[in-house]
Every structure is written in structure tokens, then in C-alpha cells.
Amino acid sequence: MASSSGPIRLAGILSLILGVVFILAGGTTWALVQSELSEQRITVSDDAPFLAGDHVNGPFSAYAEAEVIDMHAKDATEGRTYAELGGLVRQAQADGDEELAAELQAQRTTVMNGSFLRASLFTSVVAFGVSALVIGLGVILVLQGLAFNRLAKAAAVPVVAEREPAYRD
């Protein structure tokens, strides 16, 4: 006789396995990103709004340093963007002011490098976030698997009804 709890038990086992895989994958990714970021030996600048002086090896310190890089790039260019500086370089060249064009191009290079560094740091911030999400989903799947297996066990226990005696005294 086939048990009606079979599909529930199978779903529970699969949830448990996937949950453990998710937790391991998320934890491994977190550790890998942390290790790679730490190997860069970056320290959050002293003028950061938070975590100044901290070693960049996690999502918050990476975000803090990315914000400082943006602040420094804006300071170096009077708040002008890469695209705005490109237009100013072309205008200075058209006006024949090669010295101004070179200065603006140097600012443009600073903004470009700052954008690249910020994007790299934000990529690690996103990787940490996805890792945390995967770990959280793994925990939920493990809990779901445990619940399904408990339901399967409860469904597998036969209910014995009280029977009336066949005859009475």
C-alpha cells in the first residue's frame, strides 16, 4: 500500500538538501569575496562619513570607501561629470586652449578612474548582498524541509479509531 505522505517526505528531503547547498554556496561566495577584497589592502579613508580607518573587507567598509571615492572625484572636478568634462575638453580644444583642454582631460581621467573604482567596490557590495540572500533562502529551505518531514511523519501514523464492542453484556 502506497503512503500518502511520500510526496510530502520527498519535498521535505529536497528542501533540506537544497537548503544546505544554498547555505554552503552563499557562505563560500561571501568568504571568497571577502578574501579577494581583503587582499587588495584597502583602508577606508580618514575623511569617510563612517568606518574611517577600517580595513575594507566587508559590505559596509566597501560602501564607505566607494562613497569617499565619489566625494574626492567630485571635489577634484568641481562636481562635473565625465560627460560634462568631455564637452568642456572639446570646447577648449575648439577655442585653441590646449592647456585648459589638458587640465580638463586630466580631471576627466580622475572621474573615470573614480567611477571604475566605485563600480568595483559596489560589485563586491552586491556580491555580499546576494550571498546573504542565498544563505537566508537556504535557512528558510532547511526549516521548510524540517516542517515537511514532520508533516510526513504525522501523516504516516495511522489513526486508530475506538471500536464499539461487538456485543454488550
C-alpha atoms as a PDB file:
ATOM      1  CA  MET A   1       0.000   0.000   0.000  1.00  0.00           C
ATOM      2  CA  ALA A   2       1.485   3.381  -1.056  1.00  0.00           C
ATOM      3  CA  SER A   3       1.836   6.007   1.616  1.00  0.00           C
ATOM      4  CA  SER A   4       0.104   9.344   1.048  1.00  0.00           C
ATOM      5  CA  SER A   5       2.950  11.029   2.934  1.00  0.00           C
ATOM      6  CA  GLY A   6       5.518  10.059   0.252  1.00  0.00           C
ATOM      7  CA  PRO A   7       5.342  13.306  -1.760  1.00  0.00           C
ATOM      8  CA  ILE A   8       5.480  15.392   1.408  1.00  0.00           C
ATOM      9  CA  ARG A   9       8.521  13.479   2.616  1.00  0.00           C
ATOM     10  CA  LEU A  10      10.214  13.838  -0.795  1.00  0.00           C
ATOM     11  CA  ALA A  11       9.554  17.598  -0.782  1.00  0.00           C
ATOM     12  CA  GLY A  12      10.998  17.776   2.726  1.00  0.00           C
ATOM     13  CA  ILE A  13      14.151  15.908   1.802  1.00  0.00           C
ATOM     14  CA  LEU A  14      14.662  18.012  -1.340  1.00  0.00           C
ATOM     15  CA  SER A  15      14.144  21.220   0.652  1.00  0.00           C
ATOM     16  CA  LEU A  16      16.672  20.115   3.233  1.00  0.00           C
ATOM     17  CA  ILE A  17      19.266  19.229   0.590  1.00  0.00           C
ATOM     18  CA  LEU A  18      18.740  22.455  -1.369  1.00  0.00           C
ATOM     19  CA  GLY A  19      18.805  24.482   1.849  1.00  0.00           C
ATOM     20  CA  VAL A  20      22.165  23.064   2.843  1.00  0.00           C
ATOM     21  CA  VAL A  21      23.518  23.644  -0.694  1.00  0.00           C
ATOM     22  CA  PHE A  22      22.292  27.267  -0.624  1.00  0.00           C
ATOM     23  CA  ILE A  23      23.856  27.902   2.783  1.00  0.00           C
ATOM     24  CA  LEU A  24      27.176  26.425   1.674  1.00  0.00           C
ATOM     25  CA  ALA A  25      27.149  28.278  -1.666  1.00  0.00           C
ATOM     26  CA  GLY A  26      26.257  31.603  -0.061  1.00  0.00           C
ATOM     27  CA  GLY A  27      28.842  31.181   2.682  1.00  0.00           C
ATOM     28  CA  THR A  28      31.534  30.190   0.206  1.00  0.00           C
ATOM     29  CA  THR A  29      30.772  33.171  -2.020  1.00  0.00           C
ATOM     30  CA  TRP A  30      30.811  35.541   0.965  1.00  0.00           C
ATOM     31  CA  ALA A  31      34.185  34.176   2.094  1.00  0.00           C
ATOM     32  CA  LEU A  32      35.637  34.348  -1.419  1.00  0.00           C
ATOM     33  CA  VAL A  33      34.562  37.957  -1.973  1.00  0.00           C
ATOM     34  CA  GLN A  34      35.800  38.907   1.498  1.00  0.00           C
ATOM     35  CA  SER A  35      39.154  37.250   0.867  1.00  0.00           C
ATOM     36  CA  GLU A  36      39.641  38.845  -2.560  1.00  0.00           C
ATOM     37  CA  LEU A  37      38.641  42.272  -1.263  1.00  0.00           C
ATOM     38  CA  SER A  38      40.890  41.942   1.778  1.00  0.00           C
ATOM     39  CA  GLU A  39      43.881  41.029  -0.414  1.00  0.00           C
ATOM     40  CA  GLN A  40      43.651  44.492  -2.002  1.00  0.00           C
ATOM     41  CA  ARG A  41      44.722  46.008   1.352  1.00  0.00           C
ATOM     42  CA  ILE A  42      42.338  48.961   1.061  1.00  0.00           C
ATOM     43  CA  THR A  43      41.677  51.133   4.092  1.00  0.00           C
ATOM     44  CA  VAL A  44      38.643  53.391   4.350  1.00  0.00           C
ATOM     45  CA  SER A  45      39.861  56.985   4.001  1.00  0.00           C
ATOM     46  CA  ASP A  46      40.108  59.077   7.146  1.00  0.00           C
ATOM     47  CA  ASP A  47      37.560  61.565   5.812  1.00  0.00           C
ATOM     48  CA  ALA A  48      34.871  58.925   5.295  1.00  0.00           C
ATOM     49  CA  PRO A  49      31.493  59.684   6.859  1.00  0.00           C
ATOM     50  CA  PHE A  50      31.643  56.299   8.621  1.00  0.00           C
ATOM     51  CA  LEU A  51      34.118  53.452   9.238  1.00  0.00           C
ATOM     52  CA  ALA A  52      37.135  55.718   8.670  1.00  0.00           C
ATOM     53  CA  GLY A  53      40.375  53.758   9.027  1.00  0.00           C
ATOM     54  CA  ASP A  54      38.613  50.388   8.769  1.00  0.00           C
ATOM     55  CA  HIS A  55      40.111  47.648   6.595  1.00  0.00           C
ATOM     56  CA  VAL A  56      37.897  47.169   3.506  1.00  0.00           C
ATOM     57  CA  ASN A  57      36.822  43.541   3.750  1.00  0.00           C
ATOM     58  CA  GLY A  58      33.044  43.628   4.007  1.00  0.00           C
ATOM     59  CA  PRO A  59      29.971  45.255   2.512  1.00  0.00           C
ATOM     60  CA  PHE A  60      29.831  48.266   4.811  1.00  0.00           C
ATOM     61  CA  SER A  61      33.501  49.186   4.568  1.00  0.00           C
ATOM     62  CA  ALA A  62      33.394  48.727   0.762  1.00  0.00           C
ATOM     63  CA  TYR A  63      30.381  51.024   0.559  1.00  0.00           C
ATOM     64  CA  ALA A  64      32.046  53.605   2.818  1.00  0.00           C
ATOM     65  CA  GLU A  65      35.171  53.696   0.636  1.00  0.00           C
ATOM     66  CA  ALA A  66      33.087  53.928  -2.552  1.00  0.00           C
ATOM     67  CA  GLU A  67      31.334  56.986  -1.124  1.00  0.00           C
ATOM     68  CA  VAL A  68      34.678  58.628  -0.264  1.00  0.00           C
ATOM     69  CA  ILE A  69      35.982  57.997  -3.778  1.00  0.00           C
ATOM     70  CA  ASP A  70      32.891  59.716  -5.186  1.00  0.00           C
ATOM     71  CA  MET A  71      33.385  62.654  -2.818  1.00  0.00           C
ATOM     72  CA  HIS A  72      37.048  63.035  -3.850  1.00  0.00           C
ATOM     73  CA  ALA A  73      36.238  62.793  -7.569  1.00  0.00           C
ATOM     74  CA  LYS A  74      33.550  65.474  -7.237  1.00  0.00           C
ATOM     75  CA  ASP A  75      35.949  67.694  -5.287  1.00  0.00           C
ATOM     76  CA  ALA A  76      38.630  67.302  -7.966  1.00  0.00           C
ATOM     77  CA  THR A  77      36.253  68.261 -10.764  1.00  0.00           C
ATOM     78  CA  GLU A  78      34.035  70.829  -9.061  1.00  0.00           C
ATOM     79  CA  GLY A  79      31.187  68.340  -9.263  1.00  0.00           C
ATOM     80  CA  ARG A  80      31.357  67.886 -13.025  1.00  0.00           C
ATOM     81  CA  THR A  81      30.662  64.517 -14.582  1.00  0.00           C
ATOM     82  CA  TYR A  82      32.709  62.540 -17.096  1.00  0.00           C
ATOM     83  CA  ALA A  83      30.317  63.538 -19.900  1.00  0.00           C
ATOM     84  CA  GLU A  84      30.320  67.221 -18.920  1.00  0.00           C
ATOM     85  CA  LEU A  85      34.112  67.267 -18.847  1.00  0.00           C
ATOM     86  CA  GLY A  86      34.219  65.658 -22.307  1.00  0.00           C
ATOM     87  CA  GLY A  87      32.170  68.528 -23.688  1.00  0.00           C
ATOM     88  CA  LEU A  88      34.405  71.067 -21.936  1.00  0.00           C
ATOM     89  CA  VAL A  89      37.550  69.391 -23.328  1.00  0.00           C
ATOM     90  CA  ARG A  90      36.151  69.585 -26.867  1.00  0.00           C
ATOM     91  CA  GLN A  91      35.168  73.214 -26.344  1.00  0.00           C
ATOM     92  CA  ALA A  92      38.625  74.146 -25.012  1.00  0.00           C
ATOM     93  CA  GLN A  93      40.251  72.401 -27.992  1.00  0.00           C
ATOM     94  CA  ALA A  94      37.921  74.216 -30.393  1.00  0.00           C
ATOM     95  CA  ASP A  95      38.872  77.503 -28.713  1.00  0.00           C
ATOM     96  CA  GLY A  96      42.547  76.609 -29.114  1.00  0.00           C
ATOM     97  CA  ASP A  97      43.203  76.486 -25.344  1.00  0.00           C
ATOM     98  CA  GLU A  98      45.280  73.297 -25.191  1.00  0.00           C
ATOM     99  CA  GLU A  99      46.407  73.963 -21.606  1.00  0.00           C
ATOM    100  CA  LEU A 100      42.797  74.106 -20.367  1.00  0.00           C
ATOM    101  CA  ALA A 101      41.922  71.089 -22.516  1.00  0.00           C
ATOM    102  CA  ALA A 102      44.769  69.075 -20.915  1.00  0.00           C
ATOM    103  CA  GLU A 103      43.685  70.127 -17.418  1.00  0.00           C
ATOM    104  CA  LEU A 104      40.072  69.176 -18.108  1.00  0.00           C
ATOM    105  CA  GLN A 105      41.152  65.873 -19.661  1.00  0.00           C
ATOM    106  CA  ALA A 106      43.152  65.100 -16.502  1.00  0.00           C
ATOM    107  CA  GLN A 107      40.014  65.790 -14.445  1.00  0.00           C
ATOM    108  CA  ARG A 108      38.048  63.563 -16.814  1.00  0.00           C
ATOM    109  CA  THR A 109      40.566  60.765 -16.264  1.00  0.00           C
ATOM    110  CA  THR A 110      40.211  61.226 -12.497  1.00  0.00           C
ATOM    111  CA  VAL A 111      36.429  60.896 -12.758  1.00  0.00           C
ATOM    112  CA  MET A 112      36.789  57.825 -14.984  1.00  0.00           C
ATOM    113  CA  ASN A 113      39.180  56.122 -12.553  1.00  0.00           C
ATOM    114  CA  GLY A 114      36.955  57.033  -9.613  1.00  0.00           C
ATOM    115  CA  SER A 115      33.916  55.588 -11.406  1.00  0.00           C
ATOM    116  CA  PHE A 116      35.802  52.383 -12.132  1.00  0.00           C
ATOM    117  CA  LEU A 117      36.917  52.022  -8.512  1.00  0.00           C
ATOM    118  CA  ARG A 118      33.431  52.772  -7.208  1.00  0.00           C
ATOM    119  CA  ALA A 119      31.894  50.234  -9.598  1.00  0.00           C
ATOM    120  CA  SER A 120      34.379  47.605  -8.431  1.00  0.00           C
ATOM    121  CA  LEU A 121      33.574  48.261  -4.788  1.00  0.00           C
ATOM    122  CA  PHE A 122      29.828  48.305  -5.471  1.00  0.00           C
ATOM    123  CA  THR A 123      30.172  44.966  -7.253  1.00  0.00           C
ATOM    124  CA  SER A 124      31.554  43.488  -4.048  1.00  0.00           C
ATOM    125  CA  VAL A 125      28.742  45.115  -2.039  1.00  0.00           C
ATOM    126  CA  VAL A 126      26.196  43.489  -4.366  1.00  0.00           C
ATOM    127  CA  ALA A 127      28.019  40.133  -4.144  1.00  0.00           C
ATOM    128  CA  PHE A 128      27.841  40.290  -0.340  1.00  0.00           C
ATOM    129  CA  GLY A 129      24.122  41.078  -0.573  1.00  0.00           C
ATOM    130  CA  VAL A 130      23.399  38.198  -2.928  1.00  0.00           C
ATOM    131  CA  SER A 131      25.427  35.861  -0.700  1.00  0.00           C
ATOM    132  CA  ALA A 132      23.400  36.912   2.337  1.00  0.00           C
ATOM    133  CA  LEU A 133      20.179  36.417   0.378  1.00  0.00           C
ATOM    134  CA  VAL A 134      21.209  32.904  -0.692  1.00  0.00           C
ATOM    135  CA  ILE A 135      22.181  31.995   2.876  1.00  0.00           C
ATOM    136  CA  GLY A 136      18.817  33.305   4.122  1.00  0.00           C
ATOM    137  CA  LEU A 137      16.943  31.325   1.476  1.00  0.00           C
ATOM    138  CA  GLY A 138      18.936  28.256   2.483  1.00  0.00           C
ATOM    139  CA  VAL A 139      17.874  28.661   6.102  1.00  0.00           C
ATOM    140  CA  ILE A 140      14.233  29.004   5.021  1.00  0.00           C
ATOM    141  CA  LEU A 141      14.507  25.875   2.856  1.00  0.00           C
ATOM    142  CA  VAL A 142      16.024  23.900   5.734  1.00  0.00           C
ATOM    143  CA  LEU A 143      13.210  24.993   8.048  1.00  0.00           C
ATOM    144  CA  GLN A 144      10.651  24.157   5.363  1.00  0.00           C
ATOM    145  CA  GLY A 145      12.248  20.738   4.864  1.00  0.00           C
ATOM    146  CA  LEU A 146      12.118  20.022   8.568  1.00  0.00           C
ATOM    147  CA  ALA A 147       8.458  21.053   8.672  1.00  0.00           C
ATOM    148  CA  PHE A 148       7.578  18.891   5.652  1.00  0.00           C
ATOM    149  CA  ASN A 149       9.325  15.876   7.161  1.00  0.00           C
ATOM    150  CA  ARG A 150       7.440  16.392  10.413  1.00  0.00           C
ATOM    151  CA  LEU A 151       4.170  16.568   8.470  1.00  0.00           C
ATOM    152  CA  ALA A 152       5.100  13.403   6.589  1.00  0.00           C
ATOM    153  CA  LYS A 153       5.723  11.545   9.841  1.00  0.00           C
ATOM    154  CA  ALA A 154       2.392  12.737  11.247  1.00  0.00           C
ATOM    155  CA  ALA A 155       0.579  11.663   8.073  1.00  0.00           C
ATOM    156  CA  ALA A 156       2.228   8.228   8.169  1.00  0.00           C
ATOM    157  CA  VAL A 157       0.963   7.395  11.676  1.00  0.00           C
ATOM    158  CA  PRO A 158      -2.315   5.525  11.322  1.00  0.00           C
ATOM    159  CA  VAL A 159      -5.215   6.802  13.380  1.00  0.00           C
ATOM    160  CA  VAL A 160      -6.820   4.003  15.325  1.00  0.00           C
ATOM    161  CA  ALA A 161     -10.498   4.630  15.901  1.00  0.00           C
ATOM    162  CA  GLU A 162     -12.165   3.310  19.020  1.00  0.00           C
ATOM    163  CA  ARG A 163     -14.431   0.494  18.134  1.00  0.00           C
ATOM    164  CA  GLU A 164     -17.652  -0.462  19.775  1.00  0.00           C
ATOM    165  CA  PRO A 165     -17.637  -3.928  21.234  1.00  0.00           C
ATOM    166  CA  ALA A 166     -19.351  -6.450  19.049  1.00  0.00           C
ATOM    167  CA  TYR A 167     -21.716  -7.446  21.848  1.00  0.00           C
ATOM    168  CA  ARG A 168     -22.879  -5.990  25.144  1.00  0.00           C
ATOM    169  CA  ASP A 169     -23.373  -7.631  28.497  1.00  0.00           C
END
